[in-house]
Amino acid sequence: MAYYIAIGSSDGVNTDLKFGEVEKFLIYKVEGTKYGLYEERDVADGCVMKCGDKNGCSGGGHGCGGGEEVAAKVTAIEDCRAVVCKKIGFQAQKQFEKRAISVFDIETTITDALDKIAGYYNKIDNNRSLRS
């Protein structure tokens, strides 16, 4: 069974964007342990929170529309099984949790992230031990 993973990346190589900074998610289609880029999904709504802006990194979801912006981005990728970004704030994590979407906030290469996540889900989906 195929599924999708949304990645926040500025260069197509690393997971180096915070959730609030993402204007376009890279959507990867995963089947078993194999994956490939499926599409680039635009989620920019004219306001991208950045550190240094008046409300950008203040927390609490108050920058650029607050919870509404977070909800709109989450809705845009709600068909994904997981989302990977450098950092994902509390507001977004709660929204993903309500939709049973896994959150991975880690800064690494896209390949490394996808290898590990696809391997993990492959074991879960096939009822295999995670210890091997």
Protein backbone atom coordinates (compact mmCIF):
# COMPACT_ATOMS: atom_id res chain seq x y z
CA MET A 1 0.00 0.00 0.00
CA ALA A 2 1.46 3.33 -1.06
CA TYR A 3 1.44 6.42 1.13
CA TYR A 4 2.87 9.95 1.08
CA ILE A 5 5.41 11.80 3.21
CA ALA A 6 5.65 15.61 3.19
CA ILE A 7 9.15 17.10 3.52
CA GLY A 8 10.09 20.70 4.32
CA SER A 9 13.26 21.52 2.36
CA SER A 10 14.85 24.64 0.92
CA ASP A 11 17.24 22.80 -1.41
CA GLY A 12 15.64 19.42 -2.21
CA VAL A 13 18.48 17.66 -0.36
CA ASN A 14 18.03 18.43 3.35
CA THR A 15 15.13 18.71 5.79
CA ASP A 16 16.22 22.21 6.78
CA LEU A 17 13.02 24.26 7.09
CA LYS A 18 10.83 24.83 10.11
CA PHE A 19 7.16 24.06 9.50
CA GLY A 20 6.25 27.75 9.57
CA GLU A 21 8.89 28.55 6.94
CA VAL A 22 7.70 26.03 4.36
CA GLU A 23 6.17 27.55 1.23
CA LYS A 24 6.27 24.33 -0.77
CA PHE A 25 6.34 20.77 0.56
CA LEU A 26 8.11 18.02 -1.34
CA ILE A 27 5.69 15.10 -1.38
CA TYR A 28 7.26 11.66 -1.68
CA LYS A 29 5.30 8.55 -2.59
CA VAL A 30 6.45 5.49 -0.64
CA GLU A 31 5.79 1.84 -1.46
CA GLY A 32 7.46 -0.65 0.85
CA THR A 33 10.98 0.70 1.26
CA LYS A 34 11.10 2.38 -2.15
CA TYR A 35 10.22 6.04 -2.64
CA GLY A 36 10.30 8.81 -5.18
CA LEU A 37 9.33 12.45 -5.51
CA TYR A 38 5.62 12.58 -6.32
CA GLU A 39 4.96 16.33 -6.40
CA GLU A 40 5.84 19.73 -5.01
CA ARG A 41 2.84 21.11 -3.15
CA ASP A 42 2.55 24.87 -2.70
CA VAL A 43 1.27 25.84 0.76
CA ALA A 44 2.29 29.52 0.77
CA ASP A 45 -0.58 31.81 1.58
CA GLY A 46 1.26 35.11 1.28
CA CYS A 47 2.69 35.00 4.78
CA VAL A 48 5.70 32.95 5.77
CA MET A 49 6.82 33.15 9.38
CA LYS A 50 10.55 33.79 9.75
CA CYS A 51 12.71 34.43 12.79
CA GLY A 52 13.25 38.15 13.22
CA ASP A 53 9.75 39.07 12.05
CA LYS A 54 7.54 40.77 14.62
CA ASN A 55 5.73 37.54 15.54
CA GLY A 56 7.65 34.93 13.52
CA CYS A 57 9.32 32.81 16.19
CA SER A 58 7.49 33.95 19.28
CA GLY A 59 5.66 30.66 19.65
CA GLY A 60 1.99 30.25 20.47
CA GLY A 61 1.00 30.32 16.79
CA HIS A 62 0.47 34.09 16.77
CA GLY A 63 2.54 34.96 13.70
CA CYS A 64 0.78 35.76 10.41
CA GLY A 65 -2.70 34.60 11.30
CA GLY A 66 -1.86 32.24 14.13
CA GLY A 67 -3.77 28.99 14.30
CA GLU A 68 -5.57 29.59 11.00
CA GLU A 69 -2.30 29.54 9.04
CA VAL A 70 -1.19 26.37 10.81
CA ALA A 71 -4.53 24.69 10.13
CA ALA A 72 -4.41 25.67 6.43
CA LYS A 73 -0.93 24.16 6.01
CA VAL A 74 -1.91 21.00 7.86
CA THR A 75 -5.03 20.64 5.70
CA ALA A 76 -2.94 21.02 2.55
CA ILE A 77 -0.95 17.90 3.42
CA GLU A 78 -3.55 15.89 5.33
CA ASP A 79 -3.36 13.08 2.76
CA CYS A 80 0.20 12.35 3.94
CA ARG A 81 1.05 9.70 6.50
CA ALA A 82 3.94 11.73 7.92
CA VAL A 83 5.55 15.16 7.79
CA VAL A 84 9.27 15.88 8.21
CA CYS A 85 10.68 19.33 9.00
CA LYS A 86 13.60 20.80 10.90
CA LYS A 87 11.19 21.87 13.66
CA ILE A 88 7.44 21.56 14.04
CA GLY A 89 5.73 23.65 16.70
CA PHE A 90 3.15 22.61 19.25
CA GLN A 91 0.14 24.05 17.35
CA ALA A 92 1.01 22.07 14.22
CA GLN A 93 1.84 18.90 16.15
CA LYS A 94 -1.59 18.93 17.80
CA GLN A 95 -3.30 19.41 14.42
CA PHE A 96 -1.35 16.50 12.93
CA GLU A 97 -2.10 14.35 15.97
CA LYS A 98 -5.86 14.89 15.44
CA ARG A 99 -5.45 13.58 11.89
CA ALA A 100 -3.21 10.62 12.90
CA ILE A 101 -0.28 12.03 10.88
CA SER A 102 3.17 11.28 12.28
CA VAL A 103 5.50 14.21 12.93
CA PHE A 104 9.26 13.97 12.58
CA ASP A 105 11.15 17.13 13.42
CA ILE A 106 14.75 16.47 12.53
CA GLU A 107 17.43 18.17 10.49
CA THR A 108 19.05 15.60 8.20
CA THR A 109 19.19 14.66 4.53
CA ILE A 110 15.94 13.78 2.81
CA THR A 111 17.39 10.43 1.76
CA ASP A 112 18.36 9.52 5.33
CA ALA A 113 14.94 10.56 6.68
CA LEU A 114 13.04 8.64 4.01
CA ASP A 115 15.20 5.52 4.37
CA LYS A 116 14.53 5.37 8.11
CA ILE A 117 10.85 6.29 7.99
CA ALA A 118 10.06 3.95 5.08
CA GLY A 119 11.92 1.13 6.85
CA TYR A 120 10.01 1.79 10.05
CA TYR A 121 6.59 1.84 8.37
CA ASN A 122 7.46 -1.22 6.30
CA LYS A 123 8.10 -3.18 9.51
CA ILE A 124 4.93 -1.85 11.16
CA ASP A 125 2.76 -2.55 8.10
CA ASN A 126 4.11 -6.09 7.76
CA ASN A 127 3.90 -6.93 11.48
CA ARG A 128 7.66 -7.37 11.80
CA SER A 129 9.71 -6.64 14.87
CA LEU A 130 11.28 -3.19 15.11
CA ARG A 131 14.29 -4.72 16.87
CA SER A 132 15.76 -6.33 13.77
